[in-house]
Amino acid sequence: MTELAKKRPEFRNIHAFKDLPTYRLPAAGWVSILHRVSGLIMFLLLPFIIWMFDTSVSSEISFGRFKAAFNAGLGFVPGWFLKLVALALIWAYLHHAIAGLRHLWMDVSHSAVTKEFGKTSALFVLVVSITLALVLGAKLFGLY
């Protein structure tokens, strides 16, 4: 069979609603997407971070209001929701930091970048960030 007679690969358009839900993204792809999502979460919650820092360090009275906001709520927002937002922020920071260290390691050691390293390091990032977020979330919600 000649080179021209070989069947050429067929490229088709991807239908977003039909093809994307069945597409299996590798672990490195999930880490990459979640790295961007965690950065966006931290950026969007920056006013909340500033409020938490300002309220917690201004005075003893404001720190008491800070603790009360997380226990009883703040206005119409219940305390458990503020804790949930803080937990999302904790996860975002942990995931973004650990995935960033993964990227730095891959930039520093070009010879260590292989498909297997990408898979294992991505799984490491996912497992460690979720585990640490669960442990800190259990502390935040008063389970220990």
Protein backbone atom coordinates (compact mmCIF):
# COMPACT_ATOMS: atom_id res chain seq x y z
CA MET A 1 0.00 0.00 0.00
CA THR A 2 1.43 3.34 -0.94
CA GLU A 3 1.68 6.34 1.33
CA LEU A 4 -1.17 8.14 -0.43
CA ALA A 5 -3.48 5.14 -0.36
CA LYS A 6 -3.35 4.78 3.46
CA LYS A 7 -6.46 5.83 5.29
CA ARG A 8 -5.94 9.29 6.69
CA PRO A 9 -7.14 10.08 10.21
CA GLU A 10 -10.61 11.48 10.41
CA PHE A 11 -11.08 14.64 12.42
CA ARG A 12 -14.58 15.58 13.38
CA ASN A 13 -16.14 18.43 15.23
CA ILE A 14 -16.85 17.87 18.90
CA HIS A 15 -20.46 18.21 19.95
CA ALA A 16 -20.33 19.87 23.37
CA PHE A 17 -23.43 18.26 24.88
CA LYS A 18 -22.94 14.79 23.40
CA ASP A 19 -19.18 14.23 23.37
CA LEU A 20 -17.78 16.20 26.32
CA PRO A 21 -19.68 14.37 29.10
CA THR A 22 -18.28 11.04 27.89
CA TYR A 23 -14.71 12.31 27.42
CA ARG A 24 -12.32 10.95 30.04
CA LEU A 25 -9.92 13.65 31.12
CA PRO A 26 -6.61 12.41 32.60
CA ALA A 27 -5.64 13.32 36.15
CA ALA A 28 -3.18 15.95 34.91
CA GLY A 29 -6.00 17.61 32.98
CA TRP A 30 -8.20 17.73 36.08
CA VAL A 31 -5.34 19.24 38.11
CA SER A 32 -4.77 21.84 35.41
CA ILE A 33 -8.43 22.83 35.29
CA LEU A 34 -8.75 22.86 39.08
CA HIS A 35 -5.57 24.95 39.33
CA ARG A 36 -7.29 27.63 37.27
CA VAL A 37 -10.56 27.25 39.20
CA SER A 38 -8.78 27.54 42.55
CA GLY A 39 -7.02 30.70 41.40
CA LEU A 40 -10.36 32.16 40.32
CA ILE A 41 -11.96 31.23 43.67
CA MET A 42 -9.16 32.92 45.58
CA PHE A 43 -9.44 36.02 43.40
CA LEU A 44 -13.22 36.24 43.75
CA LEU A 45 -13.10 35.69 47.51
CA LEU A 46 -10.42 38.32 48.05
CA PRO A 47 -12.91 40.74 49.70
CA PHE A 48 -13.92 37.92 52.09
CA ILE A 49 -10.25 37.25 52.88
CA ILE A 50 -9.63 40.92 53.59
CA TRP A 51 -12.74 41.10 55.80
CA MET A 52 -11.66 38.00 57.74
CA PHE A 53 -8.14 39.34 58.28
CA ASP A 54 -9.27 42.85 59.22
CA THR A 55 -11.96 41.63 61.60
CA SER A 56 -9.74 39.07 63.29
CA VAL A 57 -6.79 41.36 64.05
CA SER A 58 -8.36 44.79 64.69
CA SER A 59 -9.22 44.33 68.36
CA GLU A 60 -10.50 41.79 70.87
CA ILE A 61 -14.05 43.02 70.34
CA SER A 62 -13.84 42.63 66.57
CA PHE A 63 -12.31 39.16 67.03
CA GLY A 64 -15.31 38.26 69.18
CA ARG A 65 -17.62 39.46 66.39
CA PHE A 66 -15.55 37.41 63.95
CA LYS A 67 -16.01 34.25 66.02
CA ALA A 68 -19.71 35.00 66.46
CA ALA A 69 -20.13 35.41 62.70
CA PHE A 70 -18.78 31.91 62.13
CA ASN A 71 -20.87 30.42 64.95
CA ALA A 72 -24.22 32.24 64.75
CA GLY A 73 -24.05 33.89 61.36
CA LEU A 74 -23.77 37.37 59.97
CA GLY A 75 -27.02 39.13 59.11
CA PHE A 76 -29.08 36.80 56.95
CA VAL A 77 -26.08 34.54 56.18
CA PRO A 78 -25.91 31.50 58.50
CA GLY A 79 -22.64 30.56 60.18
CA TRP A 80 -22.39 27.18 58.46
CA PHE A 81 -22.43 28.94 55.08
CA LEU A 82 -19.53 31.20 56.11
CA LYS A 83 -17.65 28.10 57.24
CA LEU A 84 -18.39 26.45 53.88
CA VAL A 85 -17.03 29.49 52.04
CA ALA A 86 -13.94 29.42 54.27
CA LEU A 87 -13.54 25.70 53.51
CA ALA A 88 -13.73 26.41 49.76
CA LEU A 89 -11.06 29.04 50.27
CA ILE A 90 -8.90 26.60 52.25
CA TRP A 91 -9.18 23.99 49.49
CA ALA A 92 -8.47 26.56 46.79
CA TYR A 93 -5.32 27.74 48.55
CA LEU A 94 -4.05 24.22 49.24
CA HIS A 95 -4.74 22.97 45.72
CA HIS A 96 -3.29 26.06 44.07
CA ALA A 97 -0.14 25.93 46.21
CA ILE A 98 0.49 22.19 45.77
CA ALA A 99 -0.24 22.28 42.02
CA GLY A 100 2.02 25.31 41.72
CA LEU A 101 4.83 23.41 43.44
CA ARG A 102 4.21 20.54 41.00
CA HIS A 103 4.59 22.93 38.07
CA LEU A 104 7.74 24.46 39.57
CA TRP A 105 9.24 20.99 40.01
CA MET A 106 8.47 20.13 36.40
CA ASP A 107 10.05 23.41 35.25
CA VAL A 108 13.20 22.84 37.29
CA SER A 109 13.74 19.19 36.35
CA HIS A 110 13.07 18.91 32.64
CA SER A 111 14.47 15.38 32.47
CA ALA A 112 11.95 14.12 35.05
CA VAL A 113 8.93 15.19 32.99
CA THR A 114 7.36 12.02 31.66
CA LYS A 115 3.83 10.84 31.15
CA GLU A 116 4.08 8.59 34.21
CA PHE A 117 5.43 11.41 36.40
CA GLY A 118 2.63 13.67 35.19
CA LYS A 119 0.03 11.09 36.19
CA THR A 120 1.50 10.26 39.60
CA SER A 121 2.21 13.87 40.52
CA ALA A 122 -1.30 14.90 39.47
CA LEU A 123 -2.81 12.14 41.63
CA PHE A 124 -0.55 13.25 44.49
CA VAL A 125 -1.80 16.84 44.16
CA LEU A 126 -5.44 15.72 44.15
CA VAL A 127 -5.10 13.35 47.10
CA VAL A 128 -3.02 15.67 49.29
CA SER A 129 -5.08 18.80 48.66
CA ILE A 130 -8.40 17.03 49.27
CA THR A 131 -7.10 15.20 52.36
CA LEU A 132 -5.69 18.36 53.93
CA ALA A 133 -8.88 20.27 53.10
CA LEU A 134 -10.97 17.54 54.77
CA VAL A 135 -8.78 17.55 57.87
CA LEU A 136 -8.87 21.34 58.16
CA GLY A 137 -12.60 21.34 57.35
CA ALA A 138 -13.22 18.91 60.20
CA LYS A 139 -11.37 21.31 62.50
CA LEU A 140 -13.30 24.29 61.10
CA PHE A 141 -16.65 22.60 61.71
CA GLY A 142 -15.62 21.50 65.22
CA LEU A 143 -15.35 17.75 64.70
CA TYR A 144 -12.15 17.65 66.77
